[in-house]
Amino acid sequence: MTSIVLDASLALSRILPDEDSNLIDRILADRGEERVELLVTPHWRLECWNGILVAQRRGRISPEDAHAARREVVVFPVLRLPNHAPDELIFELAERHALSIYDAAHLALALQENALLATGDERLAAAAEKVDALWK
């Protein structure tokens, strides 16, 4: 079984109607066949909810759709929440790869758990590829 760290951008691609969800659909299909285990960071749900709120504020979704999307995050079919990666590793990855602390936490978790990182964020994907932790 392969462990995959799922970042919020991929979850949002499945929840928001104007996003391309091909990558997350492939991951969830593999999960359904019990070939992958999905992991998330402790702040994952908040990051998803923030993306939904931003989409609502920008008029991409209605308040009613935002409310439904928040519920979908709560029941998203994934997740094992491992221990938080060490703060020092998160900070070091953020510095080295010019990432936000939140994105570096996803990458640190992948490294800590010997997992691959699945992301729709180009900068985070590039950093994960440099450390041979990108799920493709």
C-alpha atoms as a PDB file:
ATOM      1  CA  MET A   1       0.000   0.000   0.000  1.00  0.00           C
ATOM      2  CA  THR A   2       1.208   3.483  -0.872  1.00  0.00           C
ATOM      3  CA  SER A   3       0.783   6.355   1.578  1.00  0.00           C
ATOM      4  CA  ILE A   4      -0.128   9.691   0.023  1.00  0.00           C
ATOM      5  CA  VAL A   5      -0.237  13.064   1.761  1.00  0.00           C
ATOM      6  CA  LEU A   6      -3.145  15.004   0.325  1.00  0.00           C
ATOM      7  CA  ASP A   7      -2.946  18.778   0.319  1.00  0.00           C
ATOM      8  CA  ALA A   8      -5.966  21.059   0.397  1.00  0.00           C
ATOM      9  CA  SER A   9      -5.670  22.091  -3.260  1.00  0.00           C
ATOM     10  CA  LEU A  10      -6.544  18.578  -4.402  1.00  0.00           C
ATOM     11  CA  ALA A  11      -9.457  18.208  -2.024  1.00  0.00           C
ATOM     12  CA  LEU A  12     -10.766  21.569  -3.210  1.00  0.00           C
ATOM     13  CA  SER A  13     -10.432  20.478  -6.838  1.00  0.00           C
ATOM     14  CA  ARG A  14     -12.973  17.762  -6.101  1.00  0.00           C
ATOM     15  CA  ILE A  15     -15.301  20.008  -4.117  1.00  0.00           C
ATOM     16  CA  LEU A  16     -15.311  23.197  -6.206  1.00  0.00           C
ATOM     17  CA  PRO A  17     -17.285  22.808  -9.449  1.00  0.00           C
ATOM     18  CA  ASP A  18     -14.954  24.856 -11.667  1.00  0.00           C
ATOM     19  CA  GLU A  19     -11.788  22.910 -10.780  1.00  0.00           C
ATOM     20  CA  ASP A  20     -10.175  19.967 -12.599  1.00  0.00           C
ATOM     21  CA  SER A  21     -10.526  16.934 -10.348  1.00  0.00           C
ATOM     22  CA  ASN A  22      -8.842  14.262 -12.493  1.00  0.00           C
ATOM     23  CA  LEU A  23      -5.858  13.794 -10.172  1.00  0.00           C
ATOM     24  CA  ILE A  24      -7.904  13.459  -6.976  1.00  0.00           C
ATOM     25  CA  ASP A  25     -10.389  11.175  -8.731  1.00  0.00           C
ATOM     26  CA  ARG A  26      -7.493   8.833  -9.640  1.00  0.00           C
ATOM     27  CA  ILE A  27      -6.211   8.863  -6.065  1.00  0.00           C
ATOM     28  CA  LEU A  28      -9.645   8.149  -4.604  1.00  0.00           C
ATOM     29  CA  ALA A  29     -10.178   5.312  -7.090  1.00  0.00           C
ATOM     30  CA  ASP A  30      -6.928   3.727  -5.905  1.00  0.00           C
ATOM     31  CA  ARG A  31      -8.035   4.261  -2.319  1.00  0.00           C
ATOM     32  CA  GLY A  32     -11.284   2.467  -3.085  1.00  0.00           C
ATOM     33  CA  GLU A  33      -9.245  -0.470  -4.283  1.00  0.00           C
ATOM     34  CA  GLU A  34      -7.203  -0.253  -1.036  1.00  0.00           C
ATOM     35  CA  ARG A  35      -3.998   0.552  -2.880  1.00  0.00           C
ATOM     36  CA  VAL A  36      -3.423   3.891  -1.130  1.00  0.00           C
ATOM     37  CA  GLU A  37      -3.720   5.344   2.340  1.00  0.00           C
ATOM     38  CA  LEU A  38      -4.428   9.064   2.477  1.00  0.00           C
ATOM     39  CA  LEU A  39      -2.795  11.229   5.138  1.00  0.00           C
ATOM     40  CA  VAL A  40      -3.398  14.864   6.004  1.00  0.00           C
ATOM     41  CA  THR A  41      -1.790  17.481   8.203  1.00  0.00           C
ATOM     42  CA  PRO A  42      -3.498  18.707  11.378  1.00  0.00           C
ATOM     43  CA  HIS A  43      -4.446  21.996   9.660  1.00  0.00           C
ATOM     44  CA  TRP A  44      -5.841  20.337   6.494  1.00  0.00           C
ATOM     45  CA  ARG A  45      -9.531  20.871   7.258  1.00  0.00           C
ATOM     46  CA  LEU A  46      -8.982  24.545   8.126  1.00  0.00           C
ATOM     47  CA  GLU A  47      -7.002  25.060   4.925  1.00  0.00           C
ATOM     48  CA  CYS A  48      -9.823  23.462   2.903  1.00  0.00           C
ATOM     49  CA  TRP A  49     -12.414  25.623   4.636  1.00  0.00           C
ATOM     50  CA  ASN A  50     -10.326  28.711   3.928  1.00  0.00           C
ATOM     51  CA  GLY A  51     -10.242  27.802   0.226  1.00  0.00           C
ATOM     52  CA  ILE A  52     -14.018  27.406   0.251  1.00  0.00           C
ATOM     53  CA  LEU A  53     -14.450  30.766   1.978  1.00  0.00           C
ATOM     54  CA  VAL A  54     -12.173  32.472  -0.549  1.00  0.00           C
ATOM     55  CA  ALA A  55     -14.129  30.853  -3.414  1.00  0.00           C
ATOM     56  CA  GLN A  56     -17.361  32.171  -1.898  1.00  0.00           C
ATOM     57  CA  ARG A  57     -15.950  35.676  -1.417  1.00  0.00           C
ATOM     58  CA  ARG A  58     -14.781  35.723  -5.038  1.00  0.00           C
ATOM     59  CA  GLY A  59     -18.217  34.671  -6.256  1.00  0.00           C
ATOM     60  CA  ARG A  60     -17.102  31.261  -7.541  1.00  0.00           C
ATOM     61  CA  ILE A  61     -19.687  29.530  -5.348  1.00  0.00           C
ATOM     62  CA  SER A  62     -22.831  30.612  -3.526  1.00  0.00           C
ATOM     63  CA  PRO A  63     -23.082  30.746   0.270  1.00  0.00           C
ATOM     64  CA  GLU A  64     -25.324  27.662   0.118  1.00  0.00           C
ATOM     65  CA  ASP A  65     -22.760  25.763  -1.974  1.00  0.00           C
ATOM     66  CA  ALA A  66     -20.012  26.895   0.407  1.00  0.00           C
ATOM     67  CA  HIS A  67     -21.968  25.471   3.333  1.00  0.00           C
ATOM     68  CA  ALA A  68     -22.399  22.145   1.499  1.00  0.00           C
ATOM     69  CA  ALA A  69     -18.693  22.132   0.565  1.00  0.00           C
ATOM     70  CA  ARG A  70     -17.674  22.620   4.207  1.00  0.00           C
ATOM     71  CA  ARG A  71     -19.752  19.563   5.134  1.00  0.00           C
ATOM     72  CA  GLU A  72     -18.122  17.600   2.307  1.00  0.00           C
ATOM     73  CA  VAL A  73     -14.675  18.355   3.753  1.00  0.00           C
ATOM     74  CA  VAL A  74     -15.769  16.941   7.109  1.00  0.00           C
ATOM     75  CA  VAL A  75     -16.793  13.631   5.521  1.00  0.00           C
ATOM     76  CA  PHE A  76     -14.059  13.532   2.872  1.00  0.00           C
ATOM     77  CA  PRO A  77     -13.268   9.835   2.403  1.00  0.00           C
ATOM     78  CA  VAL A  78      -9.708   9.713   3.487  1.00  0.00           C
ATOM     79  CA  LEU A  79      -7.992  10.209   6.267  1.00  0.00           C
ATOM     80  CA  ARG A  80      -5.402   9.185   8.742  1.00  0.00           C
ATOM     81  CA  LEU A  81      -4.040  12.033  10.773  1.00  0.00           C
ATOM     82  CA  PRO A  82      -0.499  11.135  11.854  1.00  0.00           C
ATOM     83  CA  ASN A  83       1.586  13.040  14.339  1.00  0.00           C
ATOM     84  CA  HIS A  84       2.662  16.509  13.299  1.00  0.00           C
ATOM     85  CA  ALA A  85       6.051  16.617  11.573  1.00  0.00           C
ATOM     86  CA  PRO A  86       8.841  18.268  13.561  1.00  0.00           C
ATOM     87  CA  ASP A  87       8.687  22.062  13.541  1.00  0.00           C
ATOM     88  CA  GLU A  88      12.372  22.300  12.613  1.00  0.00           C
ATOM     89  CA  LEU A  89      11.831  20.189   9.489  1.00  0.00           C
ATOM     90  CA  ILE A  90       8.801  22.248   8.458  1.00  0.00           C
ATOM     91  CA  PHE A  91      10.685  25.523   8.852  1.00  0.00           C
ATOM     92  CA  GLU A  92      13.767  24.217   7.055  1.00  0.00           C
ATOM     93  CA  LEU A  93      11.706  22.974   4.080  1.00  0.00           C
ATOM     94  CA  ALA A  94       9.841  26.289   3.923  1.00  0.00           C
ATOM     95  CA  GLU A  95      13.128  28.191   3.796  1.00  0.00           C
ATOM     96  CA  ARG A  96      14.856  25.870   1.344  1.00  0.00           C
ATOM     97  CA  HIS A  97      11.988  25.672  -1.148  1.00  0.00           C
ATOM     98  CA  ALA A  98      10.364  29.126  -0.655  1.00  0.00           C
ATOM     99  CA  LEU A  99       7.130  27.536   0.622  1.00  0.00           C
ATOM    100  CA  SER A 100       4.559  28.745   3.076  1.00  0.00           C
ATOM    101  CA  ILE A 101       4.753  27.051   6.457  1.00  0.00           C
ATOM    102  CA  TYR A 102       1.432  25.351   5.667  1.00  0.00           C
ATOM    103  CA  ASP A 103       2.721  23.878   2.395  1.00  0.00           C
ATOM    104  CA  ALA A 104       6.013  22.886   4.004  1.00  0.00           C
ATOM    105  CA  ALA A 105       3.998  21.001   6.653  1.00  0.00           C
ATOM    106  CA  HIS A 106       2.479  18.845   3.892  1.00  0.00           C
ATOM    107  CA  LEU A 107       5.918  18.084   2.484  1.00  0.00           C
ATOM    108  CA  ALA A 108       7.406  17.424   5.930  1.00  0.00           C
ATOM    109  CA  LEU A 109       4.601  14.985   6.679  1.00  0.00           C
ATOM    110  CA  ALA A 110       5.311  13.127   3.436  1.00  0.00           C
ATOM    111  CA  LEU A 111       8.988  12.864   4.351  1.00  0.00           C
ATOM    112  CA  GLN A 112       8.239  11.858   7.960  1.00  0.00           C
ATOM    113  CA  GLU A 113       5.806   9.121   6.899  1.00  0.00           C
ATOM    114  CA  ASN A 114       7.859   7.926   3.898  1.00  0.00           C
ATOM    115  CA  ALA A 115       4.860   8.884   1.778  1.00  0.00           C
ATOM    116  CA  LEU A 116       4.299  10.688  -1.502  1.00  0.00           C
ATOM    117  CA  LEU A 117       2.746  14.142  -1.727  1.00  0.00           C
ATOM    118  CA  ALA A 118      -0.219  14.806  -4.012  1.00  0.00           C
ATOM    119  CA  THR A 119      -0.764  18.474  -4.771  1.00  0.00           C
ATOM    120  CA  GLY A 120      -2.128  20.789  -7.396  1.00  0.00           C
ATOM    121  CA  ASP A 121       0.198  23.585  -6.263  1.00  0.00           C
ATOM    122  CA  GLU A 122       3.091  24.040  -8.711  1.00  0.00           C
ATOM    123  CA  ARG A 123       5.632  25.357  -6.204  1.00  0.00           C
ATOM    124  CA  LEU A 124       4.858  22.601  -3.699  1.00  0.00           C
ATOM    125  CA  ALA A 125       4.984  19.971  -6.458  1.00  0.00           C
ATOM    126  CA  ALA A 126       8.408  21.233  -7.552  1.00  0.00           C
ATOM    127  CA  ALA A 127       9.720  21.013  -3.985  1.00  0.00           C
ATOM    128  CA  ALA A 128       8.310  17.504  -3.556  1.00  0.00           C
ATOM    129  CA  GLU A 129       9.889  16.434  -6.819  1.00  0.00           C
ATOM    130  CA  LYS A 130      13.292  17.732  -5.652  1.00  0.00           C
ATOM    131  CA  VAL A 131      13.143  15.456  -2.603  1.00  0.00           C
ATOM    132  CA  ASP A 132      11.686  12.552  -4.606  1.00  0.00           C
ATOM    133  CA  ALA A 133       8.346  12.671  -2.762  1.00  0.00           C
ATOM    134  CA  LEU A 134       5.915  13.716  -5.535  1.00  0.00           C
ATOM    135  CA  TRP A 135       2.973  11.511  -6.390  1.00  0.00           C
ATOM    136  CA  LYS A 136       2.359  11.598 -10.130  1.00  0.00           C
END
